[in-house]
Amino acid sequence: MSYVDPKLADKFESLPIELKNTILEKNVKLYTMQDLIHCLEEIAEDE
């Protein structure tokens, strides 16, 4: 189950819905902005 720290909620919610869904499907834990950036980089590499 994915987790997004409340401190990142505004940044996370500003992403397009498709991207948010992709992140949530990866079952990641996002505690910091670095975690979010790393996850986005992984998604970009997969594309």
Protein backbone atom coordinates (compact mmCIF):
# COMPACT_ATOMS: atom_id res chain seq x y z
CA MET A 1 0.00 0.00 0.00
CA SER A 2 1.37 3.40 -0.95
CA TYR A 3 1.87 6.20 1.53
CA VAL A 4 2.23 9.93 0.88
CA ASP A 5 3.42 12.02 3.81
CA PRO A 6 0.98 14.85 4.56
CA LYS A 7 3.85 17.33 4.03
CA LEU A 8 3.92 16.24 0.37
CA ALA A 9 0.17 16.18 -0.14
CA ASP A 10 0.00 19.54 -1.94
CA LYS A 11 2.78 18.58 -4.36
CA PHE A 12 1.33 15.12 -4.90
CA GLU A 13 -2.18 16.45 -5.51
CA SER A 14 -0.88 18.92 -8.10
CA LEU A 15 0.20 16.02 -10.35
CA PRO A 16 -2.02 14.78 -13.19
CA ILE A 17 -4.44 12.03 -12.14
CA GLU A 18 -2.79 9.44 -14.40
CA LEU A 19 0.58 10.09 -12.80
CA LYS A 20 -0.86 9.94 -9.28
CA ASN A 21 -2.50 6.60 -10.09
CA THR A 22 0.77 5.24 -11.51
CA ILE A 23 2.62 6.28 -8.34
CA LEU A 24 -0.01 4.71 -6.09
CA GLU A 25 0.07 1.46 -8.09
CA LYS A 26 3.82 1.18 -7.39
CA ASN A 27 3.15 0.70 -3.66
CA VAL A 28 5.78 3.25 -2.66
CA LYS A 29 6.24 5.21 0.54
CA LEU A 30 6.83 8.91 -0.08
CA TYR A 31 8.17 10.69 3.00
CA THR A 32 10.31 13.38 1.36
CA MET A 33 10.50 15.36 -1.85
CA GLN A 34 13.52 13.21 -2.78
CA ASP A 35 11.32 10.11 -2.49
CA LEU A 36 8.81 11.68 -4.86
CA ILE A 37 11.50 12.76 -7.33
CA HIS A 38 13.06 9.29 -7.30
CA CYS A 39 9.68 7.70 -7.96
CA LEU A 40 9.02 10.08 -10.86
CA GLU A 41 12.46 9.30 -12.31
CA GLU A 42 11.69 5.57 -12.17
CA ILE A 43 8.38 6.14 -13.96
CA ALA A 44 10.13 8.22 -16.65
CA GLU A 45 12.69 5.44 -17.18
CA ASP A 46 9.90 2.88 -17.56
CA GLU A 47 8.19 4.90 -20.29
